[in-house]
Amino acid sequence: MSEEGPLVTQAYVCKEKGAKLVLEDITLPALTATQVQLDITHCGLCHTDIHMKDNDWGISNYPLVLGHEGVGIVTKLGSSVKNLKTGDRVGITWIRDSCSACDACLQGRENICETGYQGTYLASNA
């Protein structure tokens, strides 16, 4: 369910295996009811990003925007988001949409969520 149209923003993009990052406009999918939009203030790059940039695992899908862990300020809320407000500072992890209710999630182990999750890599809407 789309909350509004797509968002055009800027990001550093890797166009092909091993290429230098280039700042360019990108179009993000429309915000959904369960998502928030952020102004990113900090973004970490780790060695996973280097592996993805260089396609070391043979799973990269280009063009690719690196940086899957960040911090930002909430600028817009999806209609179902109840625990945040505009202006809140939040952190972004590499996992989203875990169930938050199974035993694994309740123990802080979203990476083994019993119903699954969406990683912030390897998806067209990640």
N, C-alpha and C. Protein backbone atom coordinates (compact mmCIF):
# COMPACT_ATOMS: atom_id res chain seq x y z
N MET A 1 0.84 -1.18 0.00
CA MET A 1 0.00 0.00 0.00
C MET A 1 0.88 1.23 0.00
N SER A 2 0.77 2.06 -1.00
CA SER A 2 1.62 3.23 -1.15
C SER A 2 1.07 4.41 -0.37
N GLU A 3 1.96 5.08 0.36
CA GLU A 3 1.58 6.26 1.13
C GLU A 3 1.63 7.52 0.26
N GLU A 4 2.51 7.55 -0.69
CA GLU A 4 2.68 8.66 -1.63
C GLU A 4 3.51 8.14 -2.79
N GLY A 5 3.86 9.03 -3.69
CA GLY A 5 4.68 8.63 -4.83
C GLY A 5 6.12 8.36 -4.44
N PRO A 6 6.92 7.90 -5.39
CA PRO A 6 8.34 7.64 -5.14
C PRO A 6 9.09 8.91 -4.73
N LEU A 7 10.23 8.74 -4.09
CA LEU A 7 11.06 9.84 -3.63
C LEU A 7 12.34 9.88 -4.45
N VAL A 8 12.66 11.02 -5.01
CA VAL A 8 13.93 11.22 -5.70
C VAL A 8 14.89 11.86 -4.71
N THR A 9 16.06 11.23 -4.54
CA THR A 9 17.06 11.72 -3.61
C THR A 9 18.43 11.47 -4.21
N GLN A 10 19.49 11.75 -3.47
CA GLN A 10 20.85 11.51 -3.97
C GLN A 10 21.52 10.43 -3.14
N ALA A 11 22.37 9.66 -3.80
CA ALA A 11 23.14 8.60 -3.13
C ALA A 11 24.41 8.35 -3.93
N TYR A 12 25.38 7.79 -3.25
CA TYR A 12 26.59 7.34 -3.94
C TYR A 12 26.32 5.94 -4.47
N VAL A 13 26.44 5.78 -5.78
CA VAL A 13 26.04 4.56 -6.47
C VAL A 13 27.26 3.87 -7.06
N CYS A 14 27.30 2.55 -6.90
CA CYS A 14 28.28 1.71 -7.58
C CYS A 14 27.58 1.11 -8.80
N LYS A 15 28.02 1.46 -9.99
CA LYS A 15 27.33 1.06 -11.22
C LYS A 15 27.67 -0.35 -11.69
N GLU A 16 28.86 -0.84 -11.34
CA GLU A 16 29.27 -2.17 -11.78
C GLU A 16 30.37 -2.67 -10.86
N LYS A 17 30.68 -3.94 -10.97
CA LYS A 17 31.67 -4.57 -10.10
C LYS A 17 32.96 -3.76 -10.03
N GLY A 18 33.34 -3.40 -8.79
CA GLY A 18 34.60 -2.71 -8.56
C GLY A 18 34.65 -1.25 -8.94
N ALA A 19 33.55 -0.69 -9.44
CA ALA A 19 33.55 0.70 -9.91
C ALA A 19 33.63 1.68 -8.74
N LYS A 20 34.12 2.88 -9.04
CA LYS A 20 34.12 3.96 -8.05
C LYS A 20 32.68 4.40 -7.80
N LEU A 21 32.44 4.93 -6.60
CA LEU A 21 31.11 5.42 -6.26
C LEU A 21 30.88 6.78 -6.90
N VAL A 22 29.66 6.99 -7.42
CA VAL A 22 29.32 8.22 -8.11
C VAL A 22 28.05 8.79 -7.47
N LEU A 23 28.09 10.09 -7.09
CA LEU A 23 26.92 10.74 -6.52
C LEU A 23 25.93 11.03 -7.64
N GLU A 24 24.70 10.52 -7.48
CA GLU A 24 23.68 10.76 -8.50
C GLU A 24 22.29 10.69 -7.90
N ASP A 25 21.32 11.16 -8.65
CA ASP A 25 19.92 11.06 -8.23
C ASP A 25 19.46 9.62 -8.36
N ILE A 26 18.71 9.16 -7.36
CA ILE A 26 18.09 7.84 -7.42
C ILE A 26 16.62 8.00 -7.04
N THR A 27 15.81 7.06 -7.45
CA THR A 27 14.39 7.08 -7.10
C THR A 27 14.10 5.92 -6.16
N LEU A 28 13.59 6.25 -4.98
CA LEU A 28 13.22 5.24 -4.01
C LEU A 28 11.74 4.90 -4.17
N PRO A 29 11.35 3.67 -3.83
CA PRO A 29 9.94 3.31 -3.91
C PRO A 29 9.12 4.17 -2.95
N ALA A 30 7.83 4.23 -3.20
CA ALA A 30 6.93 4.98 -2.33
C ALA A 30 6.96 4.40 -0.92
N LEU A 31 6.82 5.27 0.06
CA LEU A 31 6.76 4.88 1.45
C LEU A 31 5.53 4.00 1.67
N THR A 32 5.70 2.93 2.45
CA THR A 32 4.55 2.09 2.78
C THR A 32 4.04 2.46 4.17
N ALA A 33 2.92 1.89 4.55
CA ALA A 33 2.28 2.21 5.82
C ALA A 33 3.16 1.89 7.02
N THR A 34 4.07 0.92 6.89
CA THR A 34 4.91 0.49 8.03
C THR A 34 6.31 1.10 8.01
N GLN A 35 6.60 1.99 7.07
CA GLN A 35 7.94 2.55 6.94
C GLN A 35 7.98 4.01 7.38
N VAL A 36 9.21 4.49 7.61
CA VAL A 36 9.44 5.90 7.89
C VAL A 36 10.46 6.44 6.88
N GLN A 37 10.39 7.72 6.62
CA GLN A 37 11.38 8.39 5.76
C GLN A 37 12.31 9.17 6.67
N LEU A 38 13.61 9.14 6.33
CA LEU A 38 14.62 9.79 7.16
C LEU A 38 15.48 10.74 6.36
N ASP A 39 16.01 11.73 7.05
CA ASP A 39 17.18 12.46 6.57
C ASP A 39 18.36 11.77 7.24
N ILE A 40 19.20 11.11 6.45
CA ILE A 40 20.34 10.37 7.00
C ILE A 40 21.41 11.35 7.45
N THR A 41 21.87 11.20 8.70
CA THR A 41 22.93 12.06 9.23
C THR A 41 24.27 11.33 9.29
N HIS A 42 24.22 10.01 9.45
CA HIS A 42 25.43 9.19 9.53
C HIS A 42 25.17 7.85 8.86
N CYS A 43 26.17 7.36 8.16
CA CYS A 43 26.05 6.05 7.51
C CYS A 43 27.39 5.34 7.60
N GLY A 44 27.35 4.14 8.15
CA GLY A 44 28.57 3.37 8.27
C GLY A 44 28.77 2.45 7.08
N LEU A 45 30.01 2.29 6.69
CA LEU A 45 30.37 1.30 5.68
C LEU A 45 31.24 0.27 6.37
N CYS A 46 30.93 -0.99 6.11
CA CYS A 46 31.73 -2.06 6.70
C CYS A 46 32.28 -2.93 5.58
N HIS A 47 32.98 -3.96 5.94
CA HIS A 47 33.59 -4.79 4.91
C HIS A 47 32.55 -5.52 4.06
N THR A 48 31.35 -5.72 4.61
CA THR A 48 30.26 -6.29 3.81
C THR A 48 30.01 -5.43 2.58
N ASP A 49 30.06 -4.10 2.76
CA ASP A 49 29.85 -3.19 1.63
C ASP A 49 30.93 -3.38 0.56
N ILE A 50 32.15 -3.58 0.98
CA ILE A 50 33.24 -3.80 0.02
C ILE A 50 33.02 -5.12 -0.73
N HIS A 51 32.60 -6.16 0.00
CA HIS A 51 32.29 -7.43 -0.67
C HIS A 51 31.17 -7.25 -1.70
N MET A 52 30.15 -6.49 -1.35
CA MET A 52 29.03 -6.26 -2.28
C MET A 52 29.49 -5.43 -3.47
N LYS A 53 30.29 -4.38 -3.23
CA LYS A 53 30.78 -3.53 -4.32
C LYS A 53 31.58 -4.35 -5.32
N ASP A 54 32.39 -5.27 -4.81
CA ASP A 54 33.26 -6.07 -5.68
C ASP A 54 32.63 -7.40 -6.10
N ASN A 55 31.39 -7.64 -5.70
CA ASN A 55 30.65 -8.86 -6.02
C ASN A 55 31.43 -10.12 -5.62
N ASP A 56 32.07 -10.06 -4.47
CA ASP A 56 32.87 -11.19 -3.99
C ASP A 56 32.05 -12.46 -3.77
N TRP A 57 30.76 -12.32 -3.48
CA TRP A 57 29.92 -13.48 -3.21
C TRP A 57 29.07 -13.88 -4.41
N GLY A 58 29.20 -13.12 -5.51
CA GLY A 58 28.46 -13.43 -6.72
C GLY A 58 26.96 -13.16 -6.62
N ILE A 59 26.55 -12.26 -5.73
CA ILE A 59 25.12 -12.00 -5.53
C ILE A 59 24.75 -10.53 -5.68
N SER A 60 25.71 -9.67 -6.00
CA SER A 60 25.43 -8.23 -6.10
C SER A 60 24.57 -7.93 -7.31
N ASN A 61 23.72 -6.94 -7.16
CA ASN A 61 22.81 -6.50 -8.21
C ASN A 61 23.05 -5.01 -8.43
N TYR A 62 23.62 -4.66 -9.56
CA TYR A 62 24.00 -3.27 -9.84
C TYR A 62 22.91 -2.58 -10.65
N PRO A 63 22.76 -1.27 -10.48
CA PRO A 63 23.53 -0.38 -9.61
C PRO A 63 23.21 -0.67 -8.14
N LEU A 64 24.17 -0.35 -7.28
CA LEU A 64 24.11 -0.69 -5.87
C LEU A 64 24.45 0.53 -5.03
N VAL A 65 23.65 0.80 -4.03
CA VAL A 65 23.93 1.86 -3.06
C VAL A 65 24.46 1.19 -1.81
N LEU A 66 25.68 1.52 -1.43
CA LEU A 66 26.31 0.91 -0.26
C LEU A 66 25.91 1.64 1.02
N GLY A 67 26.17 1.00 2.13
CA GLY A 67 25.87 1.60 3.42
C GLY A 67 24.54 1.10 3.94
N HIS A 68 24.55 0.05 4.72
CA HIS A 68 23.31 -0.57 5.16
C HIS A 68 23.04 -0.39 6.65
N GLU A 69 23.82 0.44 7.31
CA GLU A 69 23.59 0.76 8.71
C GLU A 69 23.75 2.26 8.85
N GLY A 70 22.72 2.92 9.38
CA GLY A 70 22.78 4.38 9.44
C GLY A 70 22.00 4.95 10.60
N VAL A 71 22.09 6.26 10.72
CA VAL A 71 21.36 7.03 11.72
C VAL A 71 20.75 8.21 10.99
N GLY A 72 19.53 8.56 11.36
CA GLY A 72 18.88 9.69 10.71
C GLY A 72 17.74 10.25 11.54
N ILE A 73 17.16 11.32 11.04
CA ILE A 73 16.04 12.01 11.68
C ILE A 73 14.77 11.70 10.89
N VAL A 74 13.73 11.26 11.58
CA VAL A 74 12.46 10.93 10.94
C VAL A 74 11.83 12.20 10.37
N THR A 75 11.50 12.15 9.07
CA THR A 75 10.85 13.29 8.41
C THR A 75 9.42 12.99 7.99
N LYS A 76 9.09 11.69 7.89
CA LYS A 76 7.74 11.31 7.47
C LYS A 76 7.44 9.92 8.01
N LEU A 77 6.18 9.72 8.40
CA LEU A 77 5.76 8.44 8.96
C LEU A 77 4.73 7.78 8.07
N GLY A 78 4.83 6.47 7.89
CA GLY A 78 3.76 5.71 7.28
C GLY A 78 2.56 5.70 8.22
N SER A 79 1.39 5.50 7.68
CA SER A 79 0.16 5.63 8.47
C SER A 79 0.02 4.62 9.60
N SER A 80 0.74 3.51 9.55
CA SER A 80 0.64 2.49 10.61
C SER A 80 1.72 2.63 11.67
N VAL A 81 2.65 3.56 11.51
CA VAL A 81 3.74 3.73 12.47
C VAL A 81 3.22 4.50 13.68
N LYS A 82 3.29 3.87 14.85
CA LYS A 82 2.73 4.47 16.07
C LYS A 82 3.79 4.75 17.13
N ASN A 83 4.98 4.15 17.02
CA ASN A 83 5.97 4.28 18.09
C ASN A 83 7.04 5.33 17.82
N LEU A 84 6.91 6.09 16.73
CA LEU A 84 7.87 7.15 16.40
C LEU A 84 7.11 8.41 16.05
N LYS A 85 7.85 9.54 16.05
CA LYS A 85 7.26 10.80 15.61
C LYS A 85 8.27 11.56 14.76
N THR A 86 7.80 12.47 13.96
CA THR A 86 8.67 13.32 13.16
C THR A 86 9.67 14.02 14.08
N GLY A 87 10.93 14.01 13.68
CA GLY A 87 11.98 14.63 14.49
C GLY A 87 12.77 13.64 15.34
N ASP A 88 12.25 12.42 15.53
CA ASP A 88 12.98 11.41 16.29
C ASP A 88 14.26 11.01 15.57
N ARG A 89 15.31 10.73 16.34
CA ARG A 89 16.56 10.18 15.78
C ARG A 89 16.47 8.66 15.91
N VAL A 90 16.74 7.97 14.81
CA VAL A 90 16.63 6.51 14.80
C VAL A 90 17.85 5.89 14.15
N GLY A 91 18.07 4.63 14.45
CA GLY A 91 19.13 3.86 13.83
C GLY A 91 18.54 2.85 12.85
N ILE A 92 19.30 2.53 11.83
CA ILE A 92 18.88 1.58 10.81
C ILE A 92 19.82 0.39 10.86
N THR A 93 19.25 -0.80 10.91
CA THR A 93 20.07 -2.00 10.89
C THR A 93 19.96 -2.65 9.52
N TRP A 94 20.57 -3.77 9.33
CA TRP A 94 20.53 -4.44 8.02
C TRP A 94 19.33 -5.35 7.89
N ILE A 95 18.51 -5.45 8.93
CA ILE A 95 17.30 -6.27 8.90
C ILE A 95 16.09 -5.37 9.11
N ARG A 96 15.02 -5.64 8.32
CA ARG A 96 13.77 -4.95 8.58
C ARG A 96 12.62 -5.93 8.39
N ASP A 97 11.49 -5.57 8.93
CA ASP A 97 10.24 -6.34 8.80
C ASP A 97 10.30 -7.72 9.41
N SER A 98 11.14 -7.90 10.46
CA SER A 98 11.02 -9.13 11.22
C SER A 98 9.72 -9.03 12.01
N CYS A 99 9.22 -10.14 12.52
CA CYS A 99 7.88 -10.15 13.11
C CYS A 99 7.79 -9.42 14.45
N SER A 100 8.89 -9.32 15.19
CA SER A 100 8.95 -8.67 16.51
C SER A 100 8.12 -9.39 17.57
N ALA A 101 7.68 -10.60 17.27
CA ALA A 101 6.81 -11.31 18.21
C ALA A 101 7.27 -12.73 18.54
N CYS A 102 8.04 -13.36 17.66
CA CYS A 102 8.47 -14.74 17.91
C CYS A 102 9.53 -14.75 19.01
N ASP A 103 9.85 -15.95 19.50
CA ASP A 103 10.85 -16.07 20.57
C ASP A 103 12.18 -15.45 20.19
N ALA A 104 12.63 -15.71 18.96
CA ALA A 104 13.92 -15.16 18.52
C ALA A 104 13.90 -13.63 18.54
N CYS A 105 12.86 -13.02 17.97
CA CYS A 105 12.78 -11.55 17.94
C CYS A 105 12.70 -10.97 19.35
N LEU A 106 11.94 -11.60 20.22
CA LEU A 106 11.80 -11.10 21.59
C LEU A 106 13.10 -11.20 22.38
N GLN A 107 14.03 -12.03 21.89
CA GLN A 107 15.35 -12.14 22.52
C GLN A 107 16.40 -11.28 21.81
N GLY A 108 15.94 -10.41 20.88
CA GLY A 108 16.88 -9.56 20.15
C GLY A 108 17.61 -10.28 19.04
N ARG A 109 17.09 -11.39 18.55
CA ARG A 109 17.75 -12.20 17.52
C ARG A 109 16.94 -12.17 16.22
N GLU A 110 16.67 -10.96 15.72
CA GLU A 110 15.88 -10.82 14.49
C GLU A 110 16.49 -11.57 13.32
N ASN A 111 17.80 -11.79 13.37
CA ASN A 111 18.48 -12.49 12.27
C ASN A 111 18.03 -13.95 12.14
N ILE A 112 17.35 -14.48 13.13
CA ILE A 112 16.80 -15.83 13.02
C ILE A 112 15.28 -15.80 13.27
N CYS A 113 14.64 -14.71 12.88
CA CYS A 113 13.19 -14.57 13.02
C CYS A 113 12.49 -15.81 12.45
N GLU A 114 11.53 -16.32 13.19
CA GLU A 114 10.84 -17.54 12.79
C GLU A 114 9.93 -17.35 11.57
N THR A 115 9.52 -16.11 11.28
CA THR A 115 8.68 -15.86 10.11
C THR A 115 9.42 -15.18 8.98
N GLY A 116 10.69 -14.85 9.20
CA GLY A 116 11.51 -14.25 8.15
C GLY A 116 11.63 -12.74 8.30
N TYR A 117 12.44 -12.15 7.45
CA TYR A 117 12.68 -10.71 7.47
C TYR A 117 13.14 -10.27 6.09
N GLN A 118 13.23 -8.96 5.90
CA GLN A 118 13.76 -8.37 4.66
C GLN A 118 15.12 -7.76 4.99
N GLY A 119 16.16 -8.21 4.30
CA GLY A 119 17.47 -7.59 4.47
C GLY A 119 17.52 -6.29 3.68
N THR A 120 18.41 -5.39 4.08
CA THR A 120 18.50 -4.11 3.37
C THR A 120 19.45 -4.17 2.19
N TYR A 121 19.90 -5.36 1.83
CA TYR A 121 20.62 -5.61 0.59
C TYR A 121 19.78 -6.58 -0.23
N LEU A 122 20.04 -6.61 -1.52
CA LEU A 122 19.54 -7.65 -2.42
C LEU A 122 18.03 -7.63 -2.63
N ALA A 123 17.44 -6.47 -2.58
CA ALA A 123 16.01 -6.36 -2.89
C ALA A 123 15.78 -5.03 -3.57
N SER A 124 14.86 -5.01 -4.51
CA SER A 124 14.63 -3.76 -5.25
C SER A 124 14.09 -2.66 -4.36
N ASN A 125 13.47 -3.01 -3.26
CA ASN A 125 12.93 -1.99 -2.35
C ASN A 125 13.69 -1.93 -1.04
N ALA A 126 14.91 -2.49 -1.01
CA ALA A 126 15.69 -2.47 0.21
C ALA A 126 16.18 -1.06 0.48
